Each structure stands twice: as structure tokens, then as C-alpha cells.
Amino acid sequence: MAVQTLPEGQTRIQTVIADRAAEHEFGYGMEGFHATIDENGNAAFVTNAAEGALVPVEPAWAVDANGASVETYYEVRGDRLFQVVVPSADTAYPVVADPTWGWRNAAWGVTLSRSETAKIKDYAAASAFCAGLVKNQKLTIACGVWSGYLQVQAATANNLRPKECLHIVAVPLPGAISHTYC
């Protein structure tokens, strides 16, 4: 097992499963946090503190020595997050399992999935249209400007190679948007 800090500030745990006889379940924890999986299957570490800190965990993945995907998923046991790797008869060893978690660009907010980022330009266009209907001129201008900004950022993320996801910041700069690996 090796720990790697990524440029985005995330932590990646690289776990290598040497052979079929090796352990295929790995538990991870963070002091002061407990693991959780929401109704959509998204894993995270959360605190019980007043700030409600949440550290999202990227979807579970594993690949074998031939680059083929290997079935894997997360389970919560106590306050720890376990990645379970389920090899098939065709799995070639070694297998690498690689959960990643961390803060999104040092900002609290929401990170859109790849498909949400791909679709957001349509929602932004609808928001810009809506801004034209708002009676309060200050809100109309703010809504239209931010919607246009969102649309441009979504188009940029969709055109990058590899494609990226959008992170919409709530704190410290509400409404700011950054691109992130997804």
C-alpha cells in the first residue's frame, strides 16, 4: 500500500493485490471522521462537528495486470470505509485498487458528476433565459452573468482531454467554479 498526494490536494491510496490468495478487502479511516455511503452510493468521510465537514471519496475502481476492470465496491464498517475487490476467474494479477479522497480545491461546495457537467450547459442556458424574466434588475444581471459563466466553464470542462467535472464553490467564494478531475 502506498499513499500519494495529488496536485488537487486529494489523497490516493494505491493498494496492490499480489495474487488470488492475498487479502481483497481494505479498510480506511480518518481521525475525527466517520465513513458514510449515501442513497446514491457516494462514499465520503464526515465529522459530527458543527461545521459538518465532508470529504468526498471518488468511486471505487480496480484494474488487473492486463488493464481490465475488476469488480469493486465500498462498504461502511463502524467508522471505516472498506473497499472490497471481487476478482473473476479471468482476473490477471497483480490487481491495483485505488480509492481517492480529499478537499476540492480547498473549497466547500458541490462537485458535479461527469454526466452532470456534460449537461449543465443546457441548464445554464435555461437559467440565463430565466434571468431575463426576473423583475428585479440586480437579480436579473447577477443571474445572467453567473449563468453565462457556468455555461462557459461547463463547455470548457467538456472540451478538455481528459474531460473534467465542475466544482461549484459555496465557501469561501460563493458561486466560483473550478475544474476538477473526475
Protein backbone atom coordinates (compact mmCIF):
# COMPACT_ATOMS: atom_id res chain seq x y z
CA MET A 1 0.00 0.00 0.00
CA ALA A 2 1.29 3.47 -0.89
CA VAL A 3 -0.14 6.93 -0.12
CA GLN A 4 0.09 9.66 -2.77
CA THR A 5 -0.91 13.33 -2.54
CA LEU A 6 -2.35 14.57 -5.85
CA PRO A 7 -1.93 18.11 -7.24
CA GLU A 8 -5.62 18.85 -6.49
CA GLY A 9 -4.93 18.21 -2.77
CA GLN A 10 -6.57 14.81 -2.75
CA THR A 11 -5.10 11.67 -1.19
CA ARG A 12 -4.81 8.47 -3.23
CA ILE A 13 -4.25 5.11 -1.57
CA GLN A 14 -2.59 2.71 -4.01
CA THR A 15 -3.19 -0.87 -2.95
CA VAL A 16 -1.65 -3.75 -4.90
CA ILE A 17 -3.19 -7.21 -4.58
CA ALA A 18 -0.34 -9.56 -5.46
CA ASP A 19 -2.24 -12.79 -6.11
CA ARG A 20 -5.53 -14.64 -5.63
CA ALA A 21 -4.53 -15.73 -2.09
CA ALA A 22 -3.91 -12.12 -0.92
CA GLU A 23 -6.41 -10.01 1.04
CA HIS A 24 -9.10 -8.44 -1.20
CA GLU A 25 -10.68 -6.06 1.36
CA PHE A 26 -9.03 -2.91 2.67
CA GLY A 27 -10.24 -0.54 5.41
CA TYR A 28 -9.55 3.20 5.50
CA GLY A 29 -10.26 5.81 8.14
CA MET A 30 -9.62 9.42 9.09
CA GLU A 31 -9.21 10.54 12.69
CA GLY A 32 -12.21 12.62 13.77
CA PHE A 33 -14.29 11.45 10.79
CA HIS A 34 -16.55 8.50 10.10
CA ALA A 35 -17.28 6.84 6.76
CA THR A 36 -20.67 7.07 5.11
CA ILE A 37 -22.31 5.99 1.86
CA ASP A 38 -25.40 7.93 0.74
CA GLU A 39 -28.50 6.58 -1.01
CA ASN A 40 -26.84 7.16 -4.41
CA GLY A 41 -23.79 5.08 -3.48
CA ASN A 42 -21.47 8.08 -2.99
CA ALA A 43 -18.88 7.49 -0.29
CA ALA A 44 -17.42 10.17 2.00
CA PHE A 45 -15.85 10.83 5.36
CA VAL A 46 -17.86 13.19 7.59
CA THR A 47 -17.48 14.76 11.02
CA ASN A 48 -20.08 15.22 13.68
CA ALA A 49 -18.75 18.72 14.36
CA ALA A 50 -20.84 21.85 13.90
CA GLU A 51 -19.06 22.65 10.63
CA GLY A 52 -20.30 19.38 9.15
CA ALA A 53 -17.04 18.74 7.29
CA LEU A 54 -17.38 16.32 4.38
CA VAL A 55 -14.51 14.74 2.46
CA PRO A 56 -15.82 13.05 -0.71
CA VAL A 57 -14.33 9.75 -1.87
CA GLU A 58 -14.05 9.03 -5.59
CA PRO A 59 -15.93 5.95 -6.90
CA ALA A 60 -14.22 2.63 -6.20
CA TRP A 61 -12.16 1.16 -9.03
CA ALA A 62 -9.68 -1.64 -9.56
CA VAL A 63 -7.79 -2.94 -12.60
CA ASP A 64 -5.86 -6.12 -13.22
CA ALA A 65 -2.42 -6.61 -14.79
CA ASN A 66 -3.98 -6.57 -18.27
CA GLY A 67 -5.77 -3.26 -17.64
CA ALA A 68 -9.18 -4.92 -17.34
CA SER A 69 -11.64 -3.55 -14.77
CA VAL A 70 -12.19 -5.71 -11.71
CA GLU A 71 -15.48 -5.57 -9.78
CA THR A 72 -15.13 -3.47 -6.63
CA TYR A 73 -17.34 -1.57 -4.20
CA TYR A 74 -17.31 0.21 -0.82
CA GLU A 75 -18.83 -0.88 2.49
CA VAL A 76 -19.00 1.00 5.79
CA ARG A 77 -17.98 -0.97 8.87
CA GLY A 78 -18.04 1.03 12.07
CA ASP A 79 -16.38 4.36 11.26
CA ARG A 80 -14.17 2.93 8.49
CA LEU A 81 -14.66 2.67 4.73
CA PHE A 82 -13.76 -0.70 3.21
CA GLN A 83 -13.02 -1.28 -0.45
CA VAL A 84 -13.92 -4.83 -1.48
CA VAL A 85 -12.37 -6.22 -4.67
CA VAL A 86 -14.14 -9.20 -6.32
CA PRO A 87 -11.92 -10.89 -8.93
CA SER A 88 -13.31 -13.12 -11.67
CA ALA A 89 -11.77 -16.34 -12.95
CA ASP A 90 -10.13 -14.28 -15.73
CA THR A 91 -8.51 -11.68 -13.45
CA ALA A 92 -4.76 -11.32 -14.07
CA TYR A 93 -2.64 -10.41 -11.03
CA PRO A 94 -1.43 -8.12 -9.64
CA VAL A 95 -4.58 -6.02 -9.21
CA VAL A 96 -4.41 -2.31 -8.29
CA ALA A 97 -7.23 -0.79 -6.25
CA ASP A 98 -7.06 2.96 -5.88
CA PRO A 99 -9.53 4.91 -3.70
CA THR A 100 -9.06 8.71 -3.72
CA TRP A 101 -10.48 11.31 -1.36
CA GLY A 102 -9.87 14.90 -0.40
CA TRP A 103 -10.95 18.51 -0.33
CA ARG A 104 -11.97 20.01 -3.65
CA ASN A 105 -9.52 22.80 -4.43
CA ALA A 106 -9.55 23.96 -0.77
CA ALA A 107 -13.21 24.98 -1.09
CA TRP A 108 -16.52 23.72 0.24
CA GLY A 109 -19.19 23.21 -2.37
CA VAL A 110 -20.70 20.69 -4.72
CA THR A 111 -18.82 18.68 -7.31
CA LEU A 112 -20.91 17.73 -10.32
CA SER A 113 -20.51 14.27 -11.82
CA ARG A 114 -19.16 13.81 -15.35
CA SER A 115 -22.69 13.46 -16.79
CA GLU A 116 -23.98 16.47 -14.79
CA THR A 117 -21.09 18.57 -16.07
CA ALA A 118 -21.85 17.47 -19.64
CA LYS A 119 -25.49 18.51 -19.24
CA ILE A 120 -25.04 21.69 -17.21
CA LYS A 121 -24.60 23.92 -20.24
CA ASP A 122 -28.27 23.28 -21.06
CA TYR A 123 -29.32 24.16 -17.50
CA ALA A 124 -27.18 27.29 -17.65
CA ALA A 125 -28.90 28.36 -20.86
CA ALA A 126 -32.25 27.86 -19.17
CA SER A 127 -31.05 29.90 -16.18
CA ALA A 128 -29.92 32.71 -18.48
CA PHE A 129 -33.37 32.71 -20.08
CA CYS A 130 -34.94 32.75 -16.61
CA ALA A 131 -32.75 35.70 -15.65
CA GLY A 132 -34.36 37.64 -18.48
CA LEU A 133 -37.75 37.16 -16.85
CA VAL A 134 -36.80 38.27 -13.32
CA LYS A 135 -38.36 41.60 -12.33
CA ASN A 136 -35.56 42.72 -10.01
CA GLN A 137 -32.90 44.17 -12.32
CA LYS A 138 -30.00 43.44 -9.92
CA LEU A 139 -31.02 39.77 -9.70
CA THR A 140 -31.51 39.59 -13.47
CA ILE A 141 -27.99 40.84 -14.12
CA ALA A 142 -26.43 38.59 -11.46
CA CYS A 143 -28.36 35.53 -12.64
CA GLY A 144 -27.50 36.14 -16.28
CA VAL A 145 -23.80 36.77 -15.63
CA TRP A 146 -23.38 33.73 -13.38
CA SER A 147 -25.34 31.50 -15.77
CA GLY A 148 -23.14 32.58 -18.65
CA TYR A 149 -20.02 31.92 -16.54
CA LEU A 150 -21.38 28.47 -15.63
CA GLN A 151 -22.12 27.69 -19.27
CA VAL A 152 -18.60 28.67 -20.39
CA GLN A 153 -16.97 26.64 -17.60
CA ALA A 154 -19.12 23.56 -18.42
CA ALA A 155 -18.22 23.82 -22.12
CA THR A 156 -14.52 24.16 -21.23
CA ALA A 157 -14.63 21.13 -18.91
CA ASN A 158 -16.40 19.11 -21.63
CA ASN A 159 -13.73 20.01 -24.20
CA LEU A 160 -10.69 19.14 -22.07
CA ARG A 161 -8.86 15.85 -22.61
CA PRO A 162 -9.46 14.08 -20.35
CA LYS A 163 -12.82 15.68 -19.65
CA GLU A 164 -13.19 17.23 -16.20
CA CYS A 165 -16.01 17.91 -13.74
CA LEU A 166 -17.14 21.22 -12.27
CA HIS A 167 -16.87 22.12 -8.60
CA ILE A 168 -19.24 24.95 -7.64
CA VAL A 169 -17.97 26.71 -4.52
CA ALA A 170 -20.18 27.62 -1.56
CA VAL A 171 -17.34 28.81 0.73
CA PRO A 172 -15.09 30.85 0.68
CA LEU A 173 -16.13 32.41 -2.70
CA PRO A 174 -19.81 31.61 -3.32
CA GLY A 175 -20.57 30.93 -6.96
CA ALA A 176 -16.95 30.45 -8.04
CA ILE A 177 -16.37 27.46 -10.29
CA SER A 178 -13.28 25.32 -10.67
CA HIS A 179 -12.47 22.27 -12.78
CA THR A 180 -11.51 19.02 -11.11
CA TYR A 181 -10.54 15.50 -12.07
CA CYS A 182 -13.48 13.08 -12.08
